Amino acid sequence: MCCKLNRCCCCSFSLQTGTKVISNVYLLVEVIAITYLGISEFSGLFSSTDLVTIVALAIFSTILVLIAASKESKASFLMPWLFLFAILILGWFGYLTCIIIHTGGHAVIIYSAMLIGMAGVEFAITTLACTIGTMLAIYNWMVVYSYYHQLLEKKDQPFEEDADSISYIKYP
């Protein structure tokens, strides 16, 4: 693996703790999102039913991550979350690529103009927030992916017994 992390958040937390924090934050955001989608009429690229289904799958996969991180086992429970969020991150990059292609490459010029203040402030804030959010999503994905590999390595290691825990049988 080329991008394996050993700790989460600049050596402050273990990968297990980082995975727990990430999954709790994602679960909170997903519950808020499904509540919002359930009570509002959303008119966008997808129907409200499609978005509720995607968020429900995200909630289910995040609960599996919480179970895996709490029990320090079941590395396979991390796979649905890793798969779903990899697709969402790739989908975001695909969406940006479509914008760049459909604007004839002028999206880079628009983005540059936005940064120097020639575009609207709301557009600049939204784009900056989406860019930072995407970077955080990629980092969070890398933390959970590294924890997945840590669980696999832990499972493959032979059981080591402590010398004090071995009881000897005394024969008369």
N, C-alpha and C. Protein backbone atom coordinates (compact mmCIF):
# COMPACT_ATOMS: atom_id res chain seq x y z
N MET A 1 0.85 -1.17 0.00
CA MET A 1 0.00 0.00 0.00
C MET A 1 0.89 1.23 0.00
N CYS A 2 0.61 2.17 -0.86
CA CYS A 2 1.51 3.31 -1.00
C CYS A 2 1.24 4.42 0.02
N CYS A 3 0.04 4.61 0.46
CA CYS A 3 -0.30 5.73 1.35
C CYS A 3 -0.86 5.21 2.67
N LYS A 4 -0.06 4.53 3.43
CA LYS A 4 -0.53 3.98 4.70
C LYS A 4 -0.23 4.97 5.82
N LEU A 5 -1.25 5.27 6.59
CA LEU A 5 -1.09 6.15 7.74
C LEU A 5 -0.87 5.30 8.98
N ASN A 6 -0.03 5.78 9.88
CA ASN A 6 0.22 5.06 11.13
C ASN A 6 -0.60 5.62 12.28
N ARG A 7 -0.91 6.89 12.23
CA ARG A 7 -1.69 7.56 13.26
C ARG A 7 -2.69 8.48 12.57
N CYS A 8 -3.66 8.92 13.33
CA CYS A 8 -4.66 9.85 12.81
C CYS A 8 -4.41 11.23 13.41
N CYS A 9 -4.62 12.25 12.63
CA CYS A 9 -4.55 13.64 13.09
C CYS A 9 -3.19 14.01 13.67
N CYS A 10 -2.16 13.89 12.87
CA CYS A 10 -0.81 14.34 13.24
C CYS A 10 -0.30 13.68 14.52
N CYS A 11 -0.36 12.38 14.59
CA CYS A 11 0.19 11.58 15.69
C CYS A 11 -0.56 11.73 17.01
N SER A 12 -1.73 12.30 17.00
CA SER A 12 -2.46 12.48 18.25
C SER A 12 -3.27 11.25 18.63
N PHE A 13 -3.90 10.61 17.66
CA PHE A 13 -4.80 9.50 17.93
C PHE A 13 -4.35 8.25 17.20
N SER A 14 -4.75 7.11 17.75
CA SER A 14 -4.52 5.87 17.04
C SER A 14 -5.50 5.80 15.87
N LEU A 15 -5.24 4.89 14.95
CA LEU A 15 -6.15 4.73 13.82
C LEU A 15 -7.53 4.28 14.28
N GLN A 16 -7.58 3.47 15.33
CA GLN A 16 -8.87 3.01 15.84
C GLN A 16 -9.67 4.20 16.38
N THR A 17 -9.05 5.05 17.18
CA THR A 17 -9.74 6.22 17.72
C THR A 17 -10.15 7.16 16.60
N GLY A 18 -9.27 7.38 15.64
CA GLY A 18 -9.61 8.23 14.50
C GLY A 18 -10.78 7.68 13.71
N THR A 19 -10.82 6.36 13.53
CA THR A 19 -11.94 5.74 12.82
C THR A 19 -13.24 5.90 13.59
N LYS A 20 -13.17 5.78 14.90
CA LYS A 20 -14.37 6.00 15.72
C LYS A 20 -14.87 7.43 15.62
N VAL A 21 -13.96 8.39 15.70
CA VAL A 21 -14.35 9.80 15.61
C VAL A 21 -14.94 10.10 14.23
N ILE A 22 -14.27 9.63 13.19
CA ILE A 22 -14.74 9.87 11.83
C ILE A 22 -16.13 9.26 11.63
N SER A 23 -16.32 8.03 12.08
CA SER A 23 -17.62 7.39 11.87
C SER A 23 -18.72 8.06 12.69
N ASN A 24 -18.41 8.53 13.89
CA ASN A 24 -19.42 9.25 14.67
C ASN A 24 -19.82 10.57 14.01
N VAL A 25 -18.84 11.30 13.49
CA VAL A 25 -19.14 12.57 12.82
C VAL A 25 -19.96 12.30 11.55
N TYR A 26 -19.54 11.31 10.77
CA TYR A 26 -20.28 10.98 9.54
C TYR A 26 -21.70 10.53 9.87
N LEU A 27 -21.86 9.74 10.94
CA LEU A 27 -23.19 9.27 11.31
C LEU A 27 -24.09 10.45 11.69
N LEU A 28 -23.54 11.40 12.42
CA LEU A 28 -24.32 12.59 12.79
C LEU A 28 -24.75 13.37 11.55
N VAL A 29 -23.82 13.58 10.63
CA VAL A 29 -24.14 14.32 9.40
C VAL A 29 -25.16 13.54 8.55
N GLU A 30 -25.01 12.22 8.49
CA GLU A 30 -25.94 11.42 7.70
C GLU A 30 -27.35 11.43 8.29
N VAL A 31 -27.45 11.39 9.61
CA VAL A 31 -28.77 11.44 10.25
C VAL A 31 -29.42 12.80 10.01
N ILE A 32 -28.63 13.86 10.09
CA ILE A 32 -29.16 15.20 9.79
C ILE A 32 -29.60 15.28 8.33
N ALA A 33 -28.79 14.71 7.43
CA ALA A 33 -29.12 14.75 6.00
C ALA A 33 -30.40 13.97 5.70
N ILE A 34 -30.55 12.78 6.29
CA ILE A 34 -31.75 11.99 6.00
C ILE A 34 -32.98 12.64 6.62
N THR A 35 -32.80 13.32 7.74
CA THR A 35 -33.92 14.05 8.35
C THR A 35 -34.32 15.22 7.46
N TYR A 36 -33.34 15.95 6.95
CA TYR A 36 -33.62 17.08 6.07
C TYR A 36 -34.28 16.60 4.78
N LEU A 37 -33.76 15.53 4.19
CA LEU A 37 -34.33 15.03 2.94
C LEU A 37 -35.74 14.47 3.14
N GLY A 38 -35.99 13.96 4.34
CA GLY A 38 -37.31 13.41 4.63
C GLY A 38 -38.38 14.46 4.79
N ILE A 39 -37.98 15.67 5.23
CA ILE A 39 -39.00 16.70 5.49
C ILE A 39 -39.03 17.78 4.43
N SER A 40 -38.13 17.76 3.47
CA SER A 40 -38.11 18.82 2.46
C SER A 40 -38.31 18.24 1.07
N GLU A 41 -38.74 19.10 0.19
CA GLU A 41 -38.85 18.73 -1.21
C GLU A 41 -37.55 19.15 -1.89
N PHE A 42 -36.78 18.17 -2.30
CA PHE A 42 -35.49 18.45 -2.91
C PHE A 42 -35.64 18.38 -4.41
N SER A 43 -35.26 19.41 -5.11
CA SER A 43 -35.29 19.39 -6.57
C SER A 43 -33.88 19.64 -7.06
N GLY A 44 -33.27 18.61 -7.51
CA GLY A 44 -31.90 18.72 -7.97
C GLY A 44 -31.61 17.66 -9.00
N LEU A 45 -30.37 17.24 -9.04
CA LEU A 45 -29.94 16.26 -10.02
C LEU A 45 -30.58 14.90 -9.77
N PHE A 46 -30.75 14.54 -8.51
CA PHE A 46 -31.34 13.26 -8.14
C PHE A 46 -32.69 13.50 -7.48
N SER A 47 -33.53 12.48 -7.51
CA SER A 47 -34.80 12.61 -6.80
C SER A 47 -34.56 12.44 -5.30
N SER A 48 -35.53 12.86 -4.53
CA SER A 48 -35.42 12.78 -3.08
C SER A 48 -35.31 11.32 -2.62
N THR A 49 -36.02 10.43 -3.31
CA THR A 49 -35.98 9.00 -2.97
C THR A 49 -34.59 8.42 -3.20
N ASP A 50 -33.95 8.80 -4.31
CA ASP A 50 -32.59 8.33 -4.59
C ASP A 50 -31.62 8.79 -3.51
N LEU A 51 -31.72 10.04 -3.12
CA LEU A 51 -30.81 10.57 -2.11
C LEU A 51 -31.05 9.92 -0.75
N VAL A 52 -32.31 9.68 -0.39
CA VAL A 52 -32.60 9.02 0.88
C VAL A 52 -32.03 7.60 0.86
N THR A 53 -32.12 6.92 -0.27
CA THR A 53 -31.55 5.56 -0.38
C THR A 53 -30.03 5.59 -0.22
N ILE A 54 -29.38 6.54 -0.85
CA ILE A 54 -27.92 6.66 -0.74
C ILE A 54 -27.51 6.97 0.70
N VAL A 55 -28.23 7.88 1.34
CA VAL A 55 -27.90 8.25 2.72
C VAL A 55 -28.19 7.08 3.66
N ALA A 56 -29.25 6.32 3.41
CA ALA A 56 -29.55 5.14 4.23
C ALA A 56 -28.44 4.10 4.11
N LEU A 57 -27.93 3.89 2.89
CA LEU A 57 -26.79 2.99 2.72
C LEU A 57 -25.56 3.51 3.44
N ALA A 58 -25.36 4.82 3.40
CA ALA A 58 -24.22 5.42 4.10
C ALA A 58 -24.36 5.23 5.61
N ILE A 59 -25.58 5.39 6.14
CA ILE A 59 -25.79 5.18 7.58
C ILE A 59 -25.51 3.74 7.95
N PHE A 60 -26.00 2.80 7.16
CA PHE A 60 -25.76 1.38 7.44
C PHE A 60 -24.27 1.06 7.41
N SER A 61 -23.56 1.55 6.40
CA SER A 61 -22.12 1.26 6.31
C SER A 61 -21.34 1.95 7.44
N THR A 62 -21.78 3.12 7.87
CA THR A 62 -21.11 3.82 8.97
C THR A 62 -21.33 3.09 10.29
N ILE A 63 -22.51 2.53 10.49
CA ILE A 63 -22.76 1.73 11.69
C ILE A 63 -21.85 0.50 11.70
N LEU A 64 -21.63 -0.11 10.53
CA LEU A 64 -20.70 -1.24 10.46
C LEU A 64 -19.27 -0.82 10.82
N VAL A 65 -18.88 0.38 10.43
CA VAL A 65 -17.55 0.90 10.79
C VAL A 65 -17.46 1.08 12.30
N LEU A 66 -18.50 1.60 12.91
CA LEU A 66 -18.51 1.76 14.37
C LEU A 66 -18.38 0.42 15.08
N ILE A 67 -19.07 -0.59 14.58
CA ILE A 67 -18.99 -1.93 15.18
C ILE A 67 -17.57 -2.47 15.05
N ALA A 68 -16.99 -2.35 13.85
CA ALA A 68 -15.64 -2.87 13.62
C ALA A 68 -14.60 -2.14 14.49
N ALA A 69 -14.75 -0.83 14.62
CA ALA A 69 -13.78 -0.07 15.41
C ALA A 69 -13.96 -0.32 16.91
N SER A 70 -15.17 -0.57 17.34
CA SER A 70 -15.41 -0.81 18.76
C SER A 70 -14.90 -2.18 19.20
N LYS A 71 -15.03 -3.17 18.35
CA LYS A 71 -14.61 -4.52 18.71
C LYS A 71 -13.18 -4.84 18.31
N GLU A 72 -12.53 -3.95 17.59
CA GLU A 72 -11.18 -4.17 17.08
C GLU A 72 -11.06 -5.47 16.31
N SER A 73 -12.07 -5.77 15.56
CA SER A 73 -12.06 -6.97 14.72
C SER A 73 -12.99 -6.73 13.55
N LYS A 74 -13.25 -7.75 12.81
CA LYS A 74 -14.18 -7.68 11.67
C LYS A 74 -13.74 -6.60 10.66
N ALA A 75 -12.57 -6.78 10.10
CA ALA A 75 -12.08 -5.84 9.10
C ALA A 75 -13.01 -5.78 7.89
N SER A 76 -13.71 -6.87 7.63
CA SER A 76 -14.62 -6.89 6.49
C SER A 76 -15.79 -5.93 6.67
N PHE A 77 -16.09 -5.53 7.91
CA PHE A 77 -17.17 -4.57 8.15
C PHE A 77 -16.81 -3.18 7.63
N LEU A 78 -15.52 -2.92 7.42
CA LEU A 78 -15.09 -1.62 6.92
C LEU A 78 -15.24 -1.50 5.40
N MET A 79 -15.32 -2.62 4.71
CA MET A 79 -15.34 -2.60 3.25
C MET A 79 -16.54 -1.87 2.64
N PRO A 80 -17.78 -2.05 3.13
CA PRO A 80 -18.88 -1.30 2.50
C PRO A 80 -18.69 0.22 2.58
N TRP A 81 -18.20 0.71 3.72
CA TRP A 81 -17.97 2.15 3.87
C TRP A 81 -16.87 2.60 2.93
N LEU A 82 -15.77 1.85 2.88
CA LEU A 82 -14.67 2.22 1.99
C LEU A 82 -15.12 2.24 0.53
N PHE A 83 -15.89 1.25 0.14
CA PHE A 83 -16.38 1.16 -1.24
C PHE A 83 -17.33 2.31 -1.55
N LEU A 84 -18.30 2.55 -0.68
CA LEU A 84 -19.30 3.60 -0.91
C LEU A 84 -18.66 4.98 -0.98
N PHE A 85 -17.77 5.27 -0.04
CA PHE A 85 -17.18 6.61 -0.03
C PHE A 85 -16.12 6.78 -1.11
N ALA A 86 -15.50 5.71 -1.56
CA ALA A 86 -14.60 5.82 -2.72
C ALA A 86 -15.41 6.18 -3.96
N ILE A 87 -16.58 5.58 -4.11
CA ILE A 87 -17.45 5.91 -5.24
C ILE A 87 -17.92 7.36 -5.16
N LEU A 88 -18.29 7.81 -3.96
CA LEU A 88 -18.74 9.19 -3.80
C LEU A 88 -17.62 10.19 -4.10
N ILE A 89 -16.40 9.89 -3.65
CA ILE A 89 -15.27 10.79 -3.92
C ILE A 89 -14.94 10.80 -5.41
N LEU A 90 -14.94 9.61 -6.04
CA LEU A 90 -14.69 9.55 -7.48
C LEU A 90 -15.81 10.24 -8.26
N GLY A 91 -17.03 10.12 -7.77
CA GLY A 91 -18.15 10.80 -8.40
C GLY A 91 -18.00 12.31 -8.34
N TRP A 92 -17.50 12.82 -7.23
CA TRP A 92 -17.26 14.25 -7.10
C TRP A 92 -16.21 14.71 -8.11
N PHE A 93 -15.12 13.94 -8.23
CA PHE A 93 -14.09 14.30 -9.21
C PHE A 93 -14.62 14.18 -10.64
N GLY A 94 -15.49 13.19 -10.90
CA GLY A 94 -16.12 13.08 -12.22
C GLY A 94 -17.00 14.27 -12.52
N TYR A 95 -17.72 14.73 -11.52
CA TYR A 95 -18.58 15.91 -11.68
C TYR A 95 -17.74 17.14 -12.01
N LEU A 96 -16.64 17.32 -11.30
CA LEU A 96 -15.75 18.46 -11.58
C LEU A 96 -15.15 18.36 -12.98
N THR A 97 -14.81 17.13 -13.40
CA THR A 97 -14.26 16.92 -14.74
C THR A 97 -15.30 17.29 -15.80
N CYS A 98 -16.55 16.90 -15.58
CA CYS A 98 -17.61 17.26 -16.52
C CYS A 98 -17.77 18.77 -16.61
N ILE A 99 -17.68 19.47 -15.48
CA ILE A 99 -17.79 20.93 -15.50
C ILE A 99 -16.65 21.53 -16.32
N ILE A 100 -15.44 21.01 -16.12
CA ILE A 100 -14.29 21.53 -16.86
C ILE A 100 -14.43 21.25 -18.35
N ILE A 101 -14.90 20.05 -18.70
CA ILE A 101 -15.06 19.70 -20.12
C ILE A 101 -16.15 20.54 -20.77
N HIS A 102 -17.29 20.69 -20.09
CA HIS A 102 -18.42 21.41 -20.68
C HIS A 102 -18.17 22.92 -20.76
N THR A 103 -17.30 23.43 -19.94
CA THR A 103 -16.98 24.86 -20.05
C THR A 103 -15.78 25.08 -20.96
N GLY A 104 -15.31 24.02 -21.58
CA GLY A 104 -14.20 24.16 -22.51
C GLY A 104 -12.89 24.51 -21.84
N GLY A 105 -12.73 24.08 -20.59
CA GLY A 105 -11.50 24.37 -19.88
C GLY A 105 -11.51 25.73 -19.20
N HIS A 106 -12.61 26.47 -19.37
CA HIS A 106 -12.69 27.80 -18.78
C HIS A 106 -13.01 27.75 -17.29
N ALA A 107 -13.32 26.57 -16.76
CA ALA A 107 -13.61 26.45 -15.33
C ALA A 107 -12.39 26.83 -14.51
N VAL A 108 -11.20 26.56 -15.04
CA VAL A 108 -9.98 26.94 -14.34
C VAL A 108 -9.86 28.46 -14.28
N ILE A 109 -10.23 29.12 -15.38
CA ILE A 109 -10.20 30.58 -15.41
C ILE A 109 -11.25 31.14 -14.45
N ILE A 110 -12.44 30.53 -14.44
CA ILE A 110 -13.50 30.98 -13.53
C ILE A 110 -13.06 30.78 -12.09
N TYR A 111 -12.44 29.64 -11.78
CA TYR A 111 -11.97 29.37 -10.43
C TYR A 111 -10.89 30.38 -10.03
N SER A 112 -9.97 30.70 -10.94
CA SER A 112 -8.93 31.68 -10.64
C SER A 112 -9.53 33.06 -10.42
N ALA A 113 -10.50 33.44 -11.25
CA ALA A 113 -11.15 34.74 -11.10
C ALA A 113 -11.91 34.80 -9.78
N MET A 114 -12.50 33.68 -9.40
CA MET A 114 -13.24 33.63 -8.16
C MET A 114 -12.31 33.88 -6.97
N LEU A 115 -11.10 33.31 -7.04
CA LEU A 115 -10.17 33.45 -5.93
C LEU A 115 -9.65 34.89 -5.79
N ILE A 116 -9.59 35.61 -6.89
CA ILE A 116 -9.10 36.99 -6.79
C ILE A 116 -10.24 37.99 -6.62
N GLY A 117 -11.45 37.50 -6.47
CA GLY A 117 -12.55 38.37 -6.12
C GLY A 117 -13.41 38.86 -7.26
N MET A 118 -13.22 38.31 -8.45
CA MET A 118 -14.03 38.77 -9.58
C MET A 118 -15.38 38.06 -9.64
N ALA A 119 -15.53 36.99 -8.93
CA ALA A 119 -16.80 36.27 -8.89
C ALA A 119 -17.49 36.58 -7.57
N GLY A 120 -18.70 36.09 -7.42
CA GLY A 120 -19.46 36.36 -6.22
C GLY A 120 -18.86 35.72 -4.98
N VAL A 121 -19.06 36.36 -3.85
CA VAL A 121 -18.52 35.88 -2.58
C VAL A 121 -19.16 34.55 -2.20
N GLU A 122 -20.46 34.41 -2.44
CA GLU A 122 -21.14 33.16 -2.09
C GLU A 122 -20.56 31.99 -2.88
N PHE A 123 -20.31 32.22 -4.17
CA PHE A 123 -19.73 31.18 -5.01
C PHE A 123 -18.34 30.81 -4.53
N ALA A 124 -17.57 31.80 -4.13
CA ALA A 124 -16.21 31.55 -3.65
C ALA A 124 -16.23 30.74 -2.35
N ILE A 125 -17.13 31.10 -1.44
CA ILE A 125 -17.21 30.39 -0.17
C ILE A 125 -17.67 28.95 -0.38
N THR A 126 -18.66 28.77 -1.26
CA THR A 126 -19.17 27.42 -1.54
C THR A 126 -18.09 26.56 -2.17
N THR A 127 -17.38 27.09 -3.15
CA THR A 127 -16.34 26.32 -3.81
C THR A 127 -15.20 26.00 -2.86
N LEU A 128 -14.81 26.95 -2.05
CA LEU A 128 -13.74 26.71 -1.08
C LEU A 128 -14.16 25.67 -0.05
N ALA A 129 -15.40 25.74 0.42
CA ALA A 129 -15.90 24.75 1.38
C ALA A 129 -15.95 23.37 0.76
N CYS A 130 -16.37 23.27 -0.49
CA CYS A 130 -16.42 21.97 -1.17
C CYS A 130 -15.02 21.40 -1.38
N THR A 131 -14.07 22.27 -1.71
CA THR A 131 -12.69 21.82 -1.90
C THR A 131 -12.10 21.31 -0.59
N ILE A 132 -12.30 22.04 0.48
CA ILE A 132 -11.79 21.61 1.79
C ILE A 132 -12.52 20.34 2.24
N GLY A 133 -13.82 20.27 2.01
CA GLY A 133 -14.59 19.08 2.36
C GLY A 133 -14.12 17.85 1.61
N THR A 134 -13.80 18.01 0.35
CA THR A 134 -13.29 16.89 -0.45
C THR A 134 -11.94 16.42 0.06
N MET A 135 -11.07 17.37 0.40
CA MET A 135 -9.76 16.99 0.94
C MET A 135 -9.91 16.24 2.26
N LEU A 136 -10.82 16.72 3.12
CA LEU A 136 -11.07 16.03 4.39
C LEU A 136 -11.66 14.64 4.16
N ALA A 137 -12.54 14.52 3.18
CA ALA A 137 -13.15 13.22 2.88
C ALA A 137 -12.09 12.23 2.41
N ILE A 138 -11.15 12.69 1.60
CA ILE A 138 -10.06 11.82 1.14
C ILE A 138 -9.18 11.41 2.32
N TYR A 139 -8.86 12.35 3.21
CA TYR A 139 -8.05 12.02 4.38
C TYR A 139 -8.78 11.04 5.29
N ASN A 140 -10.07 11.27 5.51
CA ASN A 140 -10.86 10.35 6.34
C ASN A 140 -10.91 8.96 5.73
N TRP A 141 -11.04 8.90 4.41
CA TRP A 141 -11.04 7.61 3.73
C TRP A 141 -9.70 6.91 3.94
N MET A 142 -8.60 7.67 3.86
CA MET A 142 -7.28 7.08 4.05
C MET A 142 -7.09 6.57 5.48
N VAL A 143 -7.66 7.26 6.48
CA VAL A 143 -7.57 6.80 7.86
C VAL A 143 -8.29 5.47 8.03
N VAL A 144 -9.51 5.38 7.52
CA VAL A 144 -10.28 4.13 7.66
C VAL A 144 -9.62 3.02 6.85
N TYR A 145 -9.07 3.34 5.69
CA TYR A 145 -8.38 2.34 4.87
C TYR A 145 -7.12 1.82 5.58
N SER A 146 -6.39 2.71 6.21
CA SER A 146 -5.20 2.30 6.97
C SER A 146 -5.60 1.44 8.17
N TYR A 147 -6.70 1.80 8.81
CA TYR A 147 -7.18 0.98 9.94
C TYR A 147 -7.61 -0.40 9.46
N TYR A 148 -8.20 -0.46 8.28
CA TYR A 148 -8.58 -1.74 7.67
C TYR A 148 -7.34 -2.62 7.50
N HIS A 149 -6.27 -2.05 6.97
CA HIS A 149 -5.04 -2.82 6.80
C HIS A 149 -4.39 -3.17 8.13
N GLN A 150 -4.52 -2.30 9.12
CA GLN A 150 -4.00 -2.60 10.45
C GLN A 150 -4.74 -3.80 11.05
N LEU A 151 -6.05 -3.86 10.87
CA LEU A 151 -6.82 -5.01 11.37
C LEU A 151 -6.44 -6.29 10.64
N LEU A 152 -6.20 -6.19 9.33
CA LEU A 152 -5.79 -7.37 8.58
C LEU A 152 -4.42 -7.87 9.04
N GLU A 153 -3.49 -6.95 9.29
CA GLU A 153 -2.16 -7.34 9.76
C GLU A 153 -2.25 -7.95 11.16
N LYS A 154 -3.12 -7.40 11.99
CA LYS A 154 -3.29 -7.91 13.35
C LYS A 154 -3.87 -9.33 13.32
N LYS A 155 -4.77 -9.57 12.38
CA LYS A 155 -5.38 -10.88 12.25
C LYS A 155 -4.38 -11.92 11.76
N ASP A 156 -3.44 -11.49 10.92
CA ASP A 156 -2.46 -12.41 10.35
C ASP A 156 -1.31 -12.73 11.29
N GLN A 157 -1.13 -11.93 12.34
CA GLN A 157 -0.02 -12.18 13.26
C GLN A 157 -0.34 -13.37 14.15
N PRO A 158 0.67 -14.19 14.43
CA PRO A 158 0.42 -15.32 15.33
C PRO A 158 0.15 -14.84 16.75
N PHE A 159 -0.56 -15.63 17.48
CA PHE A 159 -0.92 -15.30 18.85
C PHE A 159 0.32 -15.38 19.72
N GLU A 160 0.60 -14.32 20.45
CA GLU A 160 1.76 -14.30 21.33
C GLU A 160 1.27 -14.37 22.77
N GLU A 161 1.78 -15.34 23.48
CA GLU A 161 1.37 -15.48 24.87
C GLU A 161 2.42 -14.84 25.77
N ASP A 162 1.95 -14.29 26.82
CA ASP A 162 2.81 -13.71 27.83
C ASP A 162 3.34 -14.85 28.69
N ALA A 163 4.60 -14.80 29.04
CA ALA A 163 5.20 -15.89 29.82
C ALA A 163 4.55 -16.03 31.19
N ASP A 164 4.07 -14.93 31.76
CA ASP A 164 3.43 -15.00 33.07
C ASP A 164 2.03 -15.60 33.00
N SER A 165 1.42 -15.56 31.85
CA SER A 165 0.05 -16.04 31.74
C SER A 165 -0.02 -17.56 31.51
N ILE A 166 1.10 -18.17 31.23
CA ILE A 166 1.11 -19.62 31.00
C ILE A 166 1.13 -20.32 32.35
N SER A 167 0.18 -21.18 32.57
CA SER A 167 0.16 -21.94 33.83
C SER A 167 0.78 -23.31 33.57
N TYR A 168 1.61 -23.68 34.48
CA TYR A 168 2.28 -24.96 34.36
C TYR A 168 1.55 -25.99 35.20
N ILE A 169 1.48 -27.18 34.68
CA ILE A 169 0.83 -28.27 35.41
C ILE A 169 1.90 -28.94 36.26
N LYS A 170 1.62 -29.05 37.53
CA LYS A 170 2.56 -29.70 38.43
C LYS A 170 2.07 -31.12 38.67
N TYR A 171 2.95 -32.04 38.40
CA TYR A 171 2.62 -33.44 38.63
C TYR A 171 3.17 -33.88 39.98
N PRO A 172 2.44 -34.75 40.66
CA PRO A 172 2.93 -35.21 41.98
C PRO A 172 4.12 -36.11 41.88
